[in-house]
Amino acid sequence: MTIQTINDSIQTQKEQLLQHSLYQKVQTLEDLHGFLETHVYAVWDFMSLLKALQSKLTCTTTPWFATPNSEMRYLINEIVLAEESDLTLDGKRQSHFEMYINAMQSCGANTQEIEKFIANVFSLQNIFVAIKQSHLHPNVKAFLDFTFRTIEEGKSHKIAAAFTFGREDLIPAMFTEILRNFEKHFPETDLRQLIYYFERHIELDADEHGPMAMQMITELCGDDAVKWQEVTETSILALEKRVGLWDAIEEKIMMNVTMA
């Protein structure tokens, strides 16, 4: 099995994601806020997938020992460097999650719910209890639960699959166009940080992180047919959860429209 085989296997789910009716529903600032306030959970849990991979594929404890695959060490550390401490629009260092939170605040979206959720995770020290106790949409809970169940299972190739194939690759380009359209119609709203965030993702994913992640999958699976099959199954499930997340956001937007 190869990377191309996996891409062929997940084509149906990718098309569901790319052709989702949500994109046509984001028409007002309230709609945009509704999108951001739910999508932020995917931005946050992505960092946990990344750090789980770093923990598995590099040495993050003391005493230090060199892990077997130096190429893998390089790949994951390069991705961590950018995702955890990238340059912001004004030249400071932040994680992409912090950049997203700041971008939400600059355009008037509510960040209190995600901040309260993370505080609860920290307080409980149990992500699964925090998810269960939250008032999040069932699809958002299922999305987060899948991520952390995959991490808890501890199989590097499956975590890498959720990280690599379970995330959108063409979505940032779509939303950059939506945001540019918003800039024209809502010039008083500051979308610069949000546009920068999505453009940065396009730049990094296409030129650096995408190819690195694909190489990581190839290295992790090698000639093991079982691992390749598990990567395929995990990728399909991850994309299905992402489609469910999109359904939840669309439902939230339509509910707001109905109540208006």
Protein backbone atom coordinates (compact mmCIF):
# COMPACT_ATOMS: atom_id res chain seq x y z
CA MET A 1 0.00 0.00 0.00
CA THR A 2 1.11 3.58 -0.65
CA ILE A 3 0.15 7.16 0.19
CA GLN A 4 -1.72 7.31 -3.14
CA THR A 5 -3.74 4.23 -2.16
CA ILE A 6 -4.82 5.97 1.04
CA ASN A 7 -5.73 9.13 -0.85
CA ASP A 8 -7.87 7.05 -3.19
CA SER A 9 -9.54 5.32 -0.21
CA ILE A 10 -10.50 8.59 1.50
CA GLN A 11 -11.66 10.40 -1.64
CA THR A 12 -15.37 10.03 -0.80
CA GLN A 13 -14.93 11.58 2.64
CA LYS A 14 -12.71 14.38 1.28
CA GLU A 15 -15.33 15.25 -1.33
CA GLN A 16 -18.03 15.33 1.38
CA LEU A 17 -15.87 17.79 3.27
CA LEU A 18 -14.94 19.95 0.30
CA GLN A 19 -18.49 20.06 -1.10
CA HIS A 20 -20.19 20.60 2.25
CA SER A 21 -23.10 23.06 2.21
CA LEU A 22 -21.62 24.87 5.24
CA TYR A 23 -19.47 27.08 3.01
CA GLN A 24 -22.53 28.71 1.42
CA LYS A 25 -24.09 29.32 4.85
CA VAL A 26 -21.31 31.61 6.16
CA GLN A 27 -22.78 34.90 4.93
CA THR A 28 -22.95 37.27 7.88
CA LEU A 29 -20.57 38.24 10.67
CA GLU A 30 -22.73 36.25 13.09
CA ASP A 31 -22.32 33.22 10.81
CA LEU A 32 -18.56 33.71 10.74
CA HIS A 33 -18.45 33.98 14.53
CA GLY A 34 -20.50 30.77 14.78
CA PHE A 35 -18.00 29.00 12.54
CA LEU A 36 -14.95 30.22 14.43
CA GLU A 37 -16.41 29.47 17.87
CA THR A 38 -16.78 25.78 16.97
CA HIS A 39 -13.86 25.28 14.58
CA VAL A 40 -11.49 26.49 17.30
CA TYR A 41 -11.83 23.10 19.02
CA ALA A 42 -10.27 21.47 15.95
CA VAL A 43 -7.44 24.00 16.03
CA TRP A 44 -6.85 23.15 19.68
CA ASP A 45 -6.96 19.35 19.50
CA PHE A 46 -4.66 19.36 16.46
CA MET A 47 -1.90 20.53 18.81
CA SER A 48 -2.46 17.49 21.02
CA LEU A 49 -2.07 15.15 18.05
CA LEU A 50 1.16 16.94 17.20
CA LYS A 51 2.56 16.77 20.74
CA ALA A 52 1.57 13.10 21.02
CA LEU A 53 3.64 12.42 17.90
CA GLN A 54 6.56 14.39 19.30
CA SER A 55 6.35 12.38 22.51
CA LYS A 56 6.30 9.12 20.55
CA LEU A 57 8.91 9.89 17.91
CA THR A 58 11.45 12.00 19.80
CA CYS A 59 12.84 11.93 23.31
CA THR A 60 10.99 14.45 25.51
CA THR A 61 12.03 13.03 28.89
CA THR A 62 15.23 12.86 30.89
CA PRO A 63 17.71 11.31 30.79
CA TRP A 64 17.81 11.89 27.05
CA PHE A 65 18.38 9.08 24.57
CA ALA A 66 18.54 9.31 20.80
CA THR A 67 15.42 7.78 19.25
CA PRO A 68 16.10 5.24 16.46
CA ASN A 69 14.95 7.27 13.45
CA SER A 70 16.78 10.61 13.13
CA GLU A 71 14.80 11.55 10.00
CA MET A 72 11.55 11.16 11.94
CA ARG A 73 12.98 13.29 14.74
CA TYR A 74 13.71 16.04 12.28
CA LEU A 75 10.30 15.87 10.59
CA ILE A 76 8.26 16.10 13.77
CA ASN A 77 10.45 18.74 15.44
CA GLU A 78 10.27 20.94 12.35
CA ILE A 79 6.47 20.77 12.38
CA VAL A 80 6.33 21.43 16.14
CA LEU A 81 8.60 24.46 15.78
CA ALA A 82 6.21 26.18 13.38
CA GLU A 83 2.92 25.06 14.93
CA GLU A 84 3.93 25.89 18.50
CA SER A 85 6.01 29.04 17.96
CA ASP A 86 5.29 30.59 14.57
CA LEU A 87 5.66 34.26 13.66
CA THR A 88 2.49 36.31 14.06
CA LEU A 89 1.38 39.11 11.79
CA ASP A 90 3.22 41.62 14.00
CA GLY A 91 6.38 39.52 14.30
CA LYS A 92 5.86 37.88 17.69
CA ARG A 93 6.06 34.16 18.49
CA GLN A 94 2.87 32.23 19.18
CA SER A 95 1.32 28.83 18.65
CA HIS A 96 -1.22 28.61 15.86
CA PHE A 97 -3.92 28.06 18.47
CA GLU A 98 -3.02 31.33 20.23
CA MET A 99 -2.96 33.07 16.85
CA TYR A 100 -6.45 31.75 16.16
CA ILE A 101 -7.78 32.92 19.53
CA ASN A 102 -6.36 36.42 18.95
CA ALA A 103 -7.82 36.47 15.45
CA MET A 104 -11.24 35.51 16.86
CA GLN A 105 -11.07 38.31 19.40
CA SER A 106 -10.00 40.87 16.81
CA CYS A 107 -13.08 40.15 14.67
CA GLY A 108 -15.52 40.05 17.61
CA ALA A 109 -16.00 36.28 18.04
CA ASN A 110 -16.54 34.84 21.52
CA THR A 111 -13.56 32.94 22.99
CA GLN A 112 -15.01 32.45 26.48
CA GLU A 113 -16.45 28.98 25.80
CA ILE A 114 -13.21 27.45 24.47
CA GLU A 115 -11.25 29.11 27.29
CA LYS A 116 -13.70 27.74 29.87
CA PHE A 117 -13.48 24.27 28.30
CA ILE A 118 -9.67 24.24 28.40
CA ALA A 119 -9.69 25.50 32.01
CA ASN A 120 -12.00 22.60 32.86
CA VAL A 121 -9.69 20.12 31.12
CA PHE A 122 -6.79 21.50 33.16
CA SER A 123 -8.78 21.37 36.39
CA LEU A 124 -10.14 17.84 35.91
CA GLN A 125 -6.92 16.42 34.47
CA ASN A 126 -9.12 14.07 32.44
CA ILE A 127 -9.94 15.03 28.87
CA PHE A 128 -12.69 12.43 28.48
CA VAL A 129 -14.57 13.60 31.57
CA ALA A 130 -14.18 17.22 30.42
CA ILE A 131 -15.64 16.37 27.01
CA LYS A 132 -18.54 14.46 28.56
CA GLN A 133 -19.34 17.23 31.06
CA SER A 134 -19.21 19.99 28.45
CA HIS A 135 -22.26 21.51 26.76
CA LEU A 136 -20.75 21.06 23.32
CA HIS A 137 -22.75 19.74 20.36
CA PRO A 138 -22.68 15.89 20.29
CA ASN A 139 -20.75 15.99 17.00
CA VAL A 140 -18.08 18.23 18.53
CA LYS A 141 -17.83 15.86 21.49
CA ALA A 142 -17.48 12.91 19.09
CA PHE A 143 -14.79 14.76 17.15
CA LEU A 144 -12.73 15.49 20.26
CA ASP A 145 -13.32 12.05 21.75
CA PHE A 146 -12.03 10.39 18.58
CA THR A 147 -8.87 12.49 18.66
CA PHE A 148 -8.02 11.67 22.26
CA ARG A 149 -9.02 7.99 21.99
CA THR A 150 -6.57 7.73 19.09
CA ILE A 151 -3.88 9.39 21.18
CA GLU A 152 -4.66 7.19 24.19
CA GLU A 153 -4.40 4.02 22.08
CA GLY A 154 -0.79 5.01 21.55
CA LYS A 155 -0.14 3.72 18.03
CA SER A 156 2.13 6.25 16.33
CA HIS A 157 0.98 5.41 12.81
CA LYS A 158 -2.69 5.91 13.75
CA ILE A 159 -1.97 9.22 15.49
CA ALA A 160 -0.02 10.28 12.40
CA ALA A 161 -2.98 9.26 10.20
CA ALA A 162 -5.40 11.44 12.18
CA PHE A 163 -2.84 14.25 12.06
CA THR A 164 -2.05 13.92 8.34
CA PHE A 165 -5.18 12.76 6.54
CA GLY A 166 -7.85 13.64 9.08
CA ARG A 167 -7.36 17.37 8.62
CA GLU A 168 -8.42 19.60 5.80
CA ASP A 169 -5.89 20.48 3.12
CA LEU A 170 -7.96 22.59 0.71
CA ILE A 171 -10.16 24.15 3.40
CA PRO A 172 -7.80 27.06 4.27
CA ALA A 173 -7.83 28.20 0.64
CA MET A 174 -11.64 28.13 0.62
CA PHE A 175 -11.92 30.15 3.79
CA THR A 176 -9.36 32.69 2.67
CA GLU A 177 -11.67 33.48 -0.25
CA ILE A 178 -14.68 33.69 2.08
CA LEU A 179 -12.77 36.04 4.38
CA ARG A 180 -11.65 38.28 1.52
CA ASN A 181 -15.30 38.56 0.52
CA PHE A 182 -16.14 39.50 4.12
CA GLU A 183 -13.47 42.21 4.04
CA LYS A 184 -15.32 43.86 1.15
CA HIS A 185 -18.74 43.70 2.81
CA PHE A 186 -17.67 44.35 6.41
CA PRO A 187 -14.71 46.74 6.11
CA GLU A 188 -15.11 47.83 9.75
CA THR A 189 -14.29 44.28 10.97
CA ASP A 190 -10.63 43.43 11.51
CA LEU A 191 -10.00 40.16 9.67
CA ARG A 192 -6.28 40.65 9.04
CA GLN A 193 -5.15 38.17 11.69
CA LEU A 194 -7.67 35.58 10.58
CA ILE A 195 -6.65 35.85 6.94
CA TYR A 196 -3.00 35.66 7.98
CA TYR A 197 -3.73 32.48 9.97
CA PHE A 198 -5.36 30.71 7.02
CA GLU A 199 -2.74 31.94 4.54
CA ARG A 200 0.02 30.73 6.87
CA HIS A 201 -1.62 27.31 6.93
CA ILE A 202 -1.76 27.20 3.15
CA GLU A 203 1.92 28.15 2.93
CA LEU A 204 3.13 25.67 5.55
CA ASP A 205 0.88 22.74 4.59
CA ALA A 206 1.61 22.90 0.87
CA ASP A 207 5.32 23.61 0.97
CA GLU A 208 6.54 21.98 4.19
CA HIS A 209 4.22 20.21 6.62
CA GLY A 210 2.17 18.28 4.06
CA PRO A 211 5.14 16.53 2.42
CA MET A 212 6.78 16.02 5.85
CA ALA A 213 3.66 14.38 7.26
CA MET A 214 3.37 12.09 4.22
CA GLN A 215 6.99 11.05 4.66
CA MET A 216 6.33 10.40 8.34
CA ILE A 217 3.45 8.04 7.46
CA THR A 218 5.65 6.17 4.98
CA GLU A 219 8.44 5.82 7.55
CA LEU A 220 6.06 4.64 10.28
CA CYS A 221 4.28 2.03 8.17
CA GLY A 222 7.22 0.73 6.13
CA ASP A 223 6.28 -2.66 4.66
CA ASP A 224 3.72 -3.48 7.34
CA ALA A 225 0.39 -4.11 5.58
CA VAL A 226 -1.54 -4.07 8.88
CA LYS A 227 -0.25 -0.58 9.71
CA TRP A 228 -1.15 0.72 6.25
CA GLN A 229 -4.66 -0.69 6.67
CA GLU A 230 -5.02 0.90 10.12
CA VAL A 231 -3.82 4.23 8.73
CA THR A 232 -6.51 4.01 6.03
CA GLU A 233 -9.25 3.15 8.53
CA THR A 234 -8.18 5.89 10.94
CA SER A 235 -8.04 8.46 8.14
CA ILE A 236 -11.56 7.62 7.00
CA LEU A 237 -12.90 7.84 10.55
CA ALA A 238 -11.10 11.12 11.19
CA LEU A 239 -12.60 12.68 8.07
CA GLU A 240 -16.06 11.41 8.98
CA LYS A 241 -15.69 13.10 12.37
CA ARG A 242 -14.63 16.28 10.58
CA VAL A 243 -17.73 16.15 8.37
CA GLY A 244 -19.75 15.76 11.58
CA LEU A 245 -18.05 18.85 12.97
CA TRP A 246 -19.03 20.77 9.83
CA ASP A 247 -22.64 19.52 10.26
CA ALA A 248 -22.63 20.86 13.83
CA ILE A 249 -21.38 24.28 12.72
CA GLU A 250 -23.98 24.44 9.95
CA GLU A 251 -26.72 23.50 12.44
CA LYS A 252 -25.56 26.26 14.79
CA ILE A 253 -25.60 28.86 12.01
CA MET A 254 -29.06 27.80 10.77
CA MET A 255 -30.40 27.87 14.33
CA ASN A 256 -29.17 31.45 14.73
CA VAL A 257 -30.84 32.39 11.44
CA THR A 258 -34.14 30.84 12.58
CA MET A 259 -34.00 32.69 15.91
CA ALA A 260 -33.17 36.05 14.29
